[in-house]
Each structure stands twice: as C-alpha cells, then as structure tokens.
Amino acid sequence: MIVNAPIARLLTAEQSSAVAFIKIEDAVVTIAYQSNPTRMYEFTSESQTFVSQLTQIVEAEDLMGMSLGGVIADARRVNDLVQTEE
C-alpha cells in the first residue's frame, strides 16, 4: 500500500457552502462543516479509488469545478465514506 502525505485544506463559504475544513490521511477523512466549523467528523474509506479522487479534488485550487459537499454526500450515500463512532 502506498502511503501518501496527509493533505488538509481550509475552505471559505465561497469555495464550499458545505465544507469548512477537510483533511485526508491515508484512509481517514476528517471534515468540519460550515454550519459548525469547530466540530470535526471523522470518516474512513475502504475505497482507495475514492480517496485518490477526493485528494485530487481537494488539491485543485477550484475543486475541479465540483461541489465538495456533494461529493462527500454521494460518498456517504454509497458507503465510500463511513463515519467512525465517537
């Protein structure tokens, strides 16, 4: 398994109306939403393909023209992202 350096990004409400912060480290994705930016949610992914795609989106200045909140919501719906227990 290839281990990549973690990436993290703060986002303004103009960049993403849903996501305020995102960090991707291996198969763990940490997200804070604009609605409560001080509360962090942790997710895991068993899909290396999804993690790679998400990393590319987050690294792109314009988020590749995609809705980051939509990408996260879709991934949760199909279980590419699963919230960890608190």
PDB file of N, CA and C in Angstrom:
ATOM      1  N   MET A   1       0.843  -1.188   0.000  1.00  0.00           N
ATOM      2  CA  MET A   1       0.000   0.000   0.000  1.00  0.00           C
ATOM      3  C   MET A   1       0.879   1.239   0.000  1.00  0.00           C
ATOM      4  N   ILE A   2       0.557   2.183  -0.831  1.00  0.00           N
ATOM      5  CA  ILE A   2       1.296   3.436  -0.901  1.00  0.00           C
ATOM      6  C   ILE A   2       0.730   4.390   0.145  1.00  0.00           C
ATOM      7  N   VAL A   3       1.602   4.927   0.967  1.00  0.00           N
ATOM      8  CA  VAL A   3       1.166   5.881   1.991  1.00  0.00           C
ATOM      9  C   VAL A   3       1.515   7.278   1.505  1.00  0.00           C
ATOM     10  N   ASN A   4       0.511   8.111   1.417  1.00  0.00           N
ATOM     11  CA  ASN A   4       0.704   9.486   0.960  1.00  0.00           C
ATOM     12  C   ASN A   4       0.759  10.420   2.148  1.00  0.00           C
ATOM     13  N   ALA A   5       1.429  11.543   1.949  1.00  0.00           N
ATOM     14  CA  ALA A   5       1.446  12.562   2.995  1.00  0.00           C
ATOM     15  C   ALA A   5       0.030  13.092   3.174  1.00  0.00           C
ATOM     16  N   PRO A   6      -0.348  13.409   4.405  1.00  0.00           N
ATOM     17  CA  PRO A   6      -1.700  13.945   4.604  1.00  0.00           C
ATOM     18  C   PRO A   6      -1.843  15.303   3.933  1.00  0.00           C
ATOM     19  N   ILE A   7      -3.035  15.584   3.474  1.00  0.00           N
ATOM     20  CA  ILE A   7      -3.325  16.917   2.950  1.00  0.00           C
ATOM     21  C   ILE A   7      -4.478  17.492   3.760  1.00  0.00           C
ATOM     22  N   ALA A   8      -4.461  18.793   3.920  1.00  0.00           N
ATOM     23  CA  ALA A   8      -5.532  19.467   4.654  1.00  0.00           C
ATOM     24  C   ALA A   8      -5.812  20.787   3.963  1.00  0.00           C
ATOM     25  N   ARG A   9      -7.057  21.218   4.042  1.00  0.00           N
ATOM     26  CA  ARG A   9      -7.436  22.476   3.396  1.00  0.00           C
ATOM     27  C   ARG A   9      -8.578  23.136   4.150  1.00  0.00           C
ATOM     28  N   LEU A  10      -8.406  24.425   4.410  1.00  0.00           N
ATOM     29  CA  LEU A  10      -9.489  25.269   4.927  1.00  0.00           C
ATOM     30  C   LEU A  10     -10.206  25.871   3.741  1.00  0.00           C
ATOM     31  N   LEU A  11     -11.516  25.941   3.806  1.00  0.00           N
ATOM     32  CA  LEU A  11     -12.291  26.479   2.701  1.00  0.00           C
ATOM     33  C   LEU A  11     -13.190  27.602   3.195  1.00  0.00           C
ATOM     34  N   THR A  12     -13.302  28.637   2.388  1.00  0.00           N
ATOM     35  CA  THR A  12     -14.241  29.710   2.708  1.00  0.00           C
ATOM     36  C   THR A  12     -15.640  29.277   2.265  1.00  0.00           C
ATOM     37  N   ALA A  13     -16.642  29.998   2.732  1.00  0.00           N
ATOM     38  CA  ALA A  13     -18.022  29.702   2.330  1.00  0.00           C
ATOM     39  C   ALA A  13     -18.202  29.904   0.827  1.00  0.00           C
ATOM     40  N   GLU A  14     -17.383  30.776   0.229  1.00  0.00           N
ATOM     41  CA  GLU A  14     -17.464  30.992  -1.221  1.00  0.00           C
ATOM     42  C   GLU A  14     -16.905  29.785  -1.980  1.00  0.00           C
ATOM     43  N   GLN A  15     -15.892  29.130  -1.417  1.00  0.00           N
ATOM     44  CA  GLN A  15     -15.310  27.952  -2.066  1.00  0.00           C
ATOM     45  C   GLN A  15     -16.192  26.724  -1.899  1.00  0.00           C
ATOM     46  N   SER A  16     -16.796  26.587  -0.727  1.00  0.00           N
ATOM     47  CA  SER A  16     -17.692  25.458  -0.457  1.00  0.00           C
ATOM     48  C   SER A  16     -18.738  25.905   0.549  1.00  0.00           C
ATOM     49  N   SER A  17     -19.991  25.805   0.168  1.00  0.00           N
ATOM     50  CA  SER A  17     -21.054  26.216   1.083  1.00  0.00           C
ATOM     51  C   SER A  17     -21.277  25.177   2.179  1.00  0.00           C
ATOM     52  N   ALA A  18     -20.712  23.979   2.012  1.00  0.00           N
ATOM     53  CA  ALA A  18     -20.931  22.913   2.990  1.00  0.00           C
ATOM     54  C   ALA A  18     -19.702  22.610   3.841  1.00  0.00           C
ATOM     55  N   VAL A  19     -18.526  22.559   3.240  1.00  0.00           N
ATOM     56  CA  VAL A  19     -17.327  22.079   3.924  1.00  0.00           C
ATOM     57  C   VAL A  19     -16.409  23.247   4.283  1.00  0.00           C
ATOM     58  N   ALA A  20     -16.041  23.350   5.579  1.00  0.00           N
ATOM     59  CA  ALA A  20     -15.143  24.406   6.048  1.00  0.00           C
ATOM     60  C   ALA A  20     -13.699  23.926   6.112  1.00  0.00           C
ATOM     61  N   PHE A  21     -13.508  22.626   6.379  1.00  0.00           N
ATOM     62  CA  PHE A  21     -12.170  22.056   6.535  1.00  0.00           C
ATOM     63  C   PHE A  21     -12.221  20.597   6.141  1.00  0.00           C
ATOM     64  N   ILE A  22     -11.173  20.143   5.474  1.00  0.00           N
ATOM     65  CA  ILE A  22     -11.067  18.725   5.147  1.00  0.00           C
ATOM     66  C   ILE A  22      -9.611  18.308   5.251  1.00  0.00           C
ATOM     67  N   LYS A  23      -9.398  17.144   5.842  1.00  0.00           N
ATOM     68  CA  LYS A  23      -8.057  16.554   5.916  1.00  0.00           C
ATOM     69  C   LYS A  23      -8.173  15.103   5.472  1.00  0.00           C
ATOM     70  N   ILE A  24      -7.241  14.704   4.614  1.00  0.00           N
ATOM     71  CA  ILE A  24      -7.202  13.327   4.123  1.00  0.00           C
ATOM     72  C   ILE A  24      -5.850  12.751   4.517  1.00  0.00           C
ATOM     73  N   GLU A  25      -5.895  11.672   5.282  1.00  0.00           N
ATOM     74  CA  GLU A  25      -4.672  10.998   5.703  1.00  0.00           C
ATOM     75  C   GLU A  25      -4.886   9.501   5.566  1.00  0.00           C
ATOM     76  N   ASP A  26      -4.252   8.925   4.566  1.00  0.00           N
ATOM     77  CA  ASP A  26      -4.454   7.520   4.218  1.00  0.00           C
ATOM     78  C   ASP A  26      -5.940   7.278   3.980  1.00  0.00           C
ATOM     79  N   ALA A  27      -6.575   6.410   4.746  1.00  0.00           N
ATOM     80  CA  ALA A  27      -7.988   6.092   4.537  1.00  0.00           C
ATOM     81  C   ALA A  27      -8.901   6.851   5.487  1.00  0.00           C
ATOM     82  N   VAL A  28      -8.363   7.842   6.199  1.00  0.00           N
ATOM     83  CA  VAL A  28      -9.150   8.621   7.161  1.00  0.00           C
ATOM     84  C   VAL A  28      -9.379  10.026   6.608  1.00  0.00           C
ATOM     85  N   VAL A  29     -10.645  10.426   6.594  1.00  0.00           N
ATOM     86  CA  VAL A  29     -11.029  11.757   6.122  1.00  0.00           C
ATOM     87  C   VAL A  29     -11.698  12.477   7.286  1.00  0.00           C
ATOM     88  N   THR A  30     -11.169  13.654   7.631  1.00  0.00           N
ATOM     89  CA  THR A  30     -11.728  14.467   8.711  1.00  0.00           C
ATOM     90  C   THR A  30     -12.353  15.700   8.091  1.00  0.00           C
ATOM     91  N   ILE A  31     -13.582  16.001   8.494  1.00  0.00           N
ATOM     92  CA  ILE A  31     -14.341  17.098   7.886  1.00  0.00           C
ATOM     93  C   ILE A  31     -14.974  17.959   8.970  1.00  0.00           C
ATOM     94  N   ALA A  32     -14.932  19.275   8.758  1.00  0.00           N
ATOM     95  CA  ALA A  32     -15.732  20.213   9.544  1.00  0.00           C
ATOM     96  C   ALA A  32     -16.644  20.927   8.555  1.00  0.00           C
ATOM     97  N   TYR A  33     -17.892  21.061   8.911  1.00  0.00           N
ATOM     98  CA  TYR A  33     -18.867  21.693   8.023  1.00  0.00           C
ATOM     99  C   TYR A  33     -18.998  23.179   8.339  1.00  0.00           C
ATOM    100  N   GLN A  34     -19.397  23.961   7.350  1.00  0.00           N
ATOM    101  CA  GLN A  34     -19.579  25.399   7.517  1.00  0.00           C
ATOM    102  C   GLN A  34     -20.601  25.702   8.607  1.00  0.00           C
ATOM    103  N   SER A  35     -21.580  24.838   8.783  1.00  0.00           N
ATOM    104  CA  SER A  35     -22.633  25.067   9.779  1.00  0.00           C
ATOM    105  C   SER A  35     -22.110  24.998  11.213  1.00  0.00           C
ATOM    106  N   ASN A  36     -20.998  24.293  11.435  1.00  0.00           N
ATOM    107  CA  ASN A  36     -20.386  24.196  12.762  1.00  0.00           C
ATOM    108  C   ASN A  36     -18.897  23.884  12.574  1.00  0.00           C
ATOM    109  N   PRO A  37     -18.108  24.880  12.181  1.00  0.00           N
ATOM    110  CA  PRO A  37     -16.717  24.618  11.800  1.00  0.00           C
ATOM    111  C   PRO A  37     -15.808  24.156  12.934  1.00  0.00           C
ATOM    112  N   THR A  38     -16.250  24.240  14.168  1.00  0.00           N
ATOM    113  CA  THR A  38     -15.413  23.781  15.272  1.00  0.00           C
ATOM    114  C   THR A  38     -15.622  22.301  15.589  1.00  0.00           C
ATOM    115  N   ARG A  39     -16.596  21.682  14.979  1.00  0.00           N
ATOM    116  CA  ARG A  39     -16.916  20.259  15.226  1.00  0.00           C
ATOM    117  C   ARG A  39     -16.350  19.422  14.096  1.00  0.00           C
ATOM    118  N   MET A  40     -15.443  18.516  14.409  1.00  0.00           N
ATOM    119  CA  MET A  40     -14.814  17.652  13.407  1.00  0.00           C
ATOM    120  C   MET A  40     -15.511  16.291  13.349  1.00  0.00           C
ATOM    121  N   TYR A  41     -15.719  15.814  12.145  1.00  0.00           N
ATOM    122  CA  TYR A  41     -16.287  14.491  11.914  1.00  0.00           C
ATOM    123  C   TYR A  41     -15.237  13.639  11.223  1.00  0.00           C
ATOM    124  N   GLU A  42     -15.083  12.406  11.664  1.00  0.00           N
ATOM    125  CA  GLU A  42     -14.085  11.520  11.082  1.00  0.00           C
ATOM    126  C   GLU A  42     -14.776  10.397  10.328  1.00  0.00           C
ATOM    127  N   PHE A  43     -14.257  10.136   9.145  1.00  0.00           N
ATOM    128  CA  PHE A  43     -14.785   9.094   8.277  1.00  0.00           C
ATOM    129  C   PHE A  43     -13.633   8.196   7.845  1.00  0.00           C
ATOM    130  N   THR A  44     -13.958   6.973   7.491  1.00  0.00           N
ATOM    131  CA  THR A  44     -12.967   6.084   6.895  1.00  0.00           C
ATOM    132  C   THR A  44     -13.475   5.643   5.530  1.00  0.00           C
ATOM    133  N   SER A  45     -12.534   5.247   4.699  1.00  0.00           N
ATOM    134  CA  SER A  45     -12.885   4.752   3.374  1.00  0.00           C
ATOM    135  C   SER A  45     -12.080   3.509   3.066  1.00  0.00           C
ATOM    136  N   GLU A  46     -12.753   2.511   2.558  1.00  0.00           N
ATOM    137  CA  GLU A  46     -12.071   1.299   2.108  1.00  0.00           C
ATOM    138  C   GLU A  46     -11.779   1.369   0.620  1.00  0.00           C
ATOM    139  N   SER A  47     -12.198   2.455  -0.033  1.00  0.00           N
ATOM    140  CA  SER A  47     -12.006   2.609  -1.477  1.00  0.00           C
ATOM    141  C   SER A  47     -10.811   3.520  -1.746  1.00  0.00           C
ATOM    142  N   GLN A  48      -9.691   2.918  -2.129  1.00  0.00           N
ATOM    143  CA  GLN A  48      -8.509   3.712  -2.474  1.00  0.00           C
ATOM    144  C   GLN A  48      -8.795   4.600  -3.686  1.00  0.00           C
ATOM    145  N   THR A  49      -9.637   4.110  -4.585  1.00  0.00           N
ATOM    146  CA  THR A  49     -10.012   4.911  -5.757  1.00  0.00           C
ATOM    147  C   THR A  49     -10.716   6.189  -5.323  1.00  0.00           C
ATOM    148  N   PHE A  50     -11.673   6.078  -4.396  1.00  0.00           N
ATOM    149  CA  PHE A  50     -12.374   7.267  -3.922  1.00  0.00           C
ATOM    150  C   PHE A  50     -11.419   8.222  -3.222  1.00  0.00           C
ATOM    151  N   VAL A  51     -10.543   7.689  -2.363  1.00  0.00           N
ATOM    152  CA  VAL A  51      -9.593   8.550  -1.638  1.00  0.00           C
ATOM    153  C   VAL A  51      -8.695   9.286  -2.620  1.00  0.00           C
ATOM    154  N   SER A  52      -8.244   8.616  -3.661  1.00  0.00           N
ATOM    155  CA  SER A  52      -7.404   9.258  -4.682  1.00  0.00           C
ATOM    156  C   SER A  52      -8.164  10.363  -5.404  1.00  0.00           C
ATOM    157  N   GLN A  53      -9.412  10.090  -5.772  1.00  0.00           N
ATOM    158  CA  GLN A  53     -10.226  11.100  -6.452  1.00  0.00           C
ATOM    159  C   GLN A  53     -10.490  12.290  -5.541  1.00  0.00           C
ATOM    160  N   LEU A  54     -10.824  12.024  -4.281  1.00  0.00           N
ATOM    161  CA  LEU A  54     -11.084  13.096  -3.329  1.00  0.00           C
ATOM    162  C   LEU A  54      -9.828  13.943  -3.127  1.00  0.00           C
ATOM    163  N   THR A  55      -8.683  13.307  -3.043  1.00  0.00           N
ATOM    164  CA  THR A  55      -7.420  14.023  -2.887  1.00  0.00           C
ATOM    165  C   THR A  55      -7.186  14.959  -4.074  1.00  0.00           C
ATOM    166  N   GLN A  56      -7.425  14.479  -5.276  1.00  0.00           N
ATOM    167  CA  GLN A  56      -7.257  15.317  -6.466  1.00  0.00           C
ATOM    168  C   GLN A  56      -8.190  16.529  -6.425  1.00  0.00           C
ATOM    169  N   ILE A  57      -9.426  16.311  -6.021  1.00  0.00           N
ATOM    170  CA  ILE A  57     -10.398  17.407  -5.942  1.00  0.00           C
ATOM    171  C   ILE A  57      -9.948  18.438  -4.924  1.00  0.00           C
ATOM    172  N   VAL A  58      -9.551  17.977  -3.736  1.00  0.00           N
ATOM    173  CA  VAL A  58      -9.163  18.897  -2.654  1.00  0.00           C
ATOM    174  C   VAL A  58      -7.887  19.661  -3.005  1.00  0.00           C
ATOM    175  N   GLU A  59      -6.968  19.019  -3.697  1.00  0.00           N
ATOM    176  CA  GLU A  59      -5.716  19.683  -4.073  1.00  0.00           C
ATOM    177  C   GLU A  59      -5.902  20.720  -5.169  1.00  0.00           C
ATOM    178  N   ALA A  60      -6.944  20.586  -5.975  1.00  0.00           N
ATOM    179  CA  ALA A  60      -7.182  21.535  -7.070  1.00  0.00           C
ATOM    180  C   ALA A  60      -7.697  22.859  -6.514  1.00  0.00           C
ATOM    181  N   GLU A  61      -7.114  23.943  -6.968  1.00  0.00           N
ATOM    182  CA  GLU A  61      -7.491  25.275  -6.481  1.00  0.00           C
ATOM    183  C   GLU A  61      -8.994  25.513  -6.586  1.00  0.00           C
ATOM    184  N   ASP A  62      -9.586  25.097  -7.722  1.00  0.00           N
ATOM    185  CA  ASP A  62     -11.016  25.335  -7.959  1.00  0.00           C
ATOM    186  C   ASP A  62     -11.874  24.119  -7.632  1.00  0.00           C
ATOM    187  N   LEU A  63     -11.306  23.146  -6.901  1.00  0.00           N
ATOM    188  CA  LEU A  63     -12.007  21.902  -6.552  1.00  0.00           C
ATOM    189  C   LEU A  63     -12.498  21.174  -7.804  1.00  0.00           C
ATOM    190  N   MET A  64     -11.767  21.383  -8.912  1.00  0.00           N
ATOM    191  CA  MET A  64     -12.101  20.760 -10.204  1.00  0.00           C
ATOM    192  C   MET A  64     -13.519  21.109 -10.647  1.00  0.00           C
ATOM    193  N   GLY A  65     -14.018  22.252 -10.180  1.00  0.00           N
ATOM    194  CA  GLY A  65     -15.362  22.686 -10.552  1.00  0.00           C
ATOM    195  C   GLY A  65     -16.474  21.871  -9.902  1.00  0.00           C
ATOM    196  N   MET A  66     -16.124  21.064  -8.911  1.00  0.00           N
ATOM    197  CA  MET A  66     -17.112  20.185  -8.291  1.00  0.00           C
ATOM    198  C   MET A  66     -17.608  20.755  -6.971  1.00  0.00           C
ATOM    199  N   SER A  67     -18.761  20.288  -6.551  1.00  0.00           N
ATOM    200  CA  SER A  67     -19.303  20.625  -5.241  1.00  0.00           C
ATOM    201  C   SER A  67     -18.714  19.637  -4.237  1.00  0.00           C
ATOM    202  N   LEU A  68     -17.829  20.115  -3.369  1.00  0.00           N
ATOM    203  CA  LEU A  68     -17.198  19.223  -2.397  1.00  0.00           C
ATOM    204  C   LEU A  68     -18.244  18.613  -1.462  1.00  0.00           C
ATOM    205  N   GLY A  69     -19.213  19.413  -1.045  1.00  0.00           N
ATOM    206  CA  GLY A  69     -20.293  18.882  -0.205  1.00  0.00           C
ATOM    207  C   GLY A  69     -21.061  17.787  -0.913  1.00  0.00           C
ATOM    208  N   GLY A  70     -21.298  17.955  -2.197  1.00  0.00           N
ATOM    209  CA  GLY A  70     -21.998  16.942  -2.986  1.00  0.00           C
ATOM    210  C   GLY A  70     -21.191  15.664  -3.115  1.00  0.00           C
ATOM    211  N   VAL A  71     -19.884  15.816  -3.327  1.00  0.00           N
ATOM    212  CA  VAL A  71     -19.006  14.647  -3.424  1.00  0.00           C
ATOM    213  C   VAL A  71     -19.032  13.861  -2.113  1.00  0.00           C
ATOM    214  N   ILE A  72     -18.950  14.584  -0.986  1.00  0.00           N
ATOM    215  CA  ILE A  72     -18.973  13.945   0.331  1.00  0.00           C
ATOM    216  C   ILE A  72     -20.326  13.260   0.562  1.00  0.00           C
ATOM    217  N   ALA A  73     -21.418  13.952   0.262  1.00  0.00           N
ATOM    218  CA  ALA A  73     -22.761  13.382   0.463  1.00  0.00           C
ATOM    219  C   ALA A  73     -22.957  12.122  -0.375  1.00  0.00           C
ATOM    220  N   ASP A  74     -22.520  12.167  -1.637  1.00  0.00           N
ATOM    221  CA  ASP A  74     -22.648  10.987  -2.504  1.00  0.00           C
ATOM    222  C   ASP A  74     -21.827   9.819  -1.967  1.00  0.00           C
ATOM    223  N   ALA A  75     -20.604  10.115  -1.499  1.00  0.00           N
ATOM    224  CA  ALA A  75     -19.734   9.067  -0.978  1.00  0.00           C
ATOM    225  C   ALA A  75     -20.337   8.427   0.273  1.00  0.00           C
ATOM    226  N   ARG A  76     -20.946   9.240   1.112  1.00  0.00           N
ATOM    227  CA  ARG A  76     -21.589   8.697   2.313  1.00  0.00           C
ATOM    228  C   ARG A  76     -22.784   7.825   1.930  1.00  0.00           C
ATOM    229  N   ARG A  77     -23.524   8.244   0.918  1.00  0.00           N
ATOM    230  CA  ARG A  77     -24.713   7.503   0.491  1.00  0.00           C
ATOM    231  C   ARG A  77     -24.356   6.100  -0.018  1.00  0.00           C
ATOM    232  N   VAL A  78     -23.218   5.971  -0.708  1.00  0.00           N
ATOM    233  CA  VAL A  78     -22.828   4.674  -1.273  1.00  0.00           C
ATOM    234  C   VAL A  78     -21.774   3.957  -0.413  1.00  0.00           C
ATOM    235  N   ASN A  79     -21.560   4.487   0.793  1.00  0.00           N
ATOM    236  CA  ASN A  79     -20.629   3.899   1.767  1.00  0.00           C
ATOM    237  C   ASN A  79     -19.163   3.921   1.344  1.00  0.00           C
ATOM    238  N   ASP A  80     -18.791   4.850   0.441  1.00  0.00           N
ATOM    239  CA  ASP A  80     -17.366   5.071   0.177  1.00  0.00           C
ATOM    240  C   ASP A  80     -16.740   5.816   1.354  1.00  0.00           C
ATOM    241  N   LEU A  81     -17.560   6.550   2.106  1.00  0.00           N
ATOM    242  CA  LEU A  81     -17.143   7.184   3.340  1.00  0.00           C
ATOM    243  C   LEU A  81     -18.084   6.714   4.432  1.00  0.00           C
ATOM    244  N   VAL A  82     -17.511   6.214   5.525  1.00  0.00           N
ATOM    245  CA  VAL A  82     -18.309   5.739   6.645  1.00  0.00           C
ATOM    246  C   VAL A  82     -17.862   6.477   7.888  1.00  0.00           C
ATOM    247  N   GLN A  83     -18.804   7.135   8.559  1.00  0.00           N
ATOM    248  CA  GLN A  83     -18.463   7.885   9.758  1.00  0.00           C
ATOM    249  C   GLN A  83     -18.044   6.943  10.861  1.00  0.00           C
ATOM    250  N   THR A  84     -16.939   7.299  11.549  1.00  0.00           N
ATOM    251  CA  THR A  84     -16.460   6.482  12.654  1.00  0.00           C
ATOM    252  C   THR A  84     -17.270   6.814  13.896  1.00  0.00           C
ATOM    253  N   GLU A  85     -17.330   5.878  14.795  1.00  0.00           N
ATOM    254  CA  GLU A  85     -18.061   6.088  16.046  1.00  0.00           C
ATOM    255  C   GLU A  85     -17.310   7.078  16.920  1.00  0.00           C
ATOM    256  N   GLU A  86     -18.058   7.863  17.660  1.00  0.00           N
ATOM    257  CA  GLU A  86     -17.426   8.851  18.542  1.00  0.00           C
ATOM    258  C   GLU A  86     -17.061   8.233  19.860  1.00  0.00           C
TER     259      GLU A  86
END
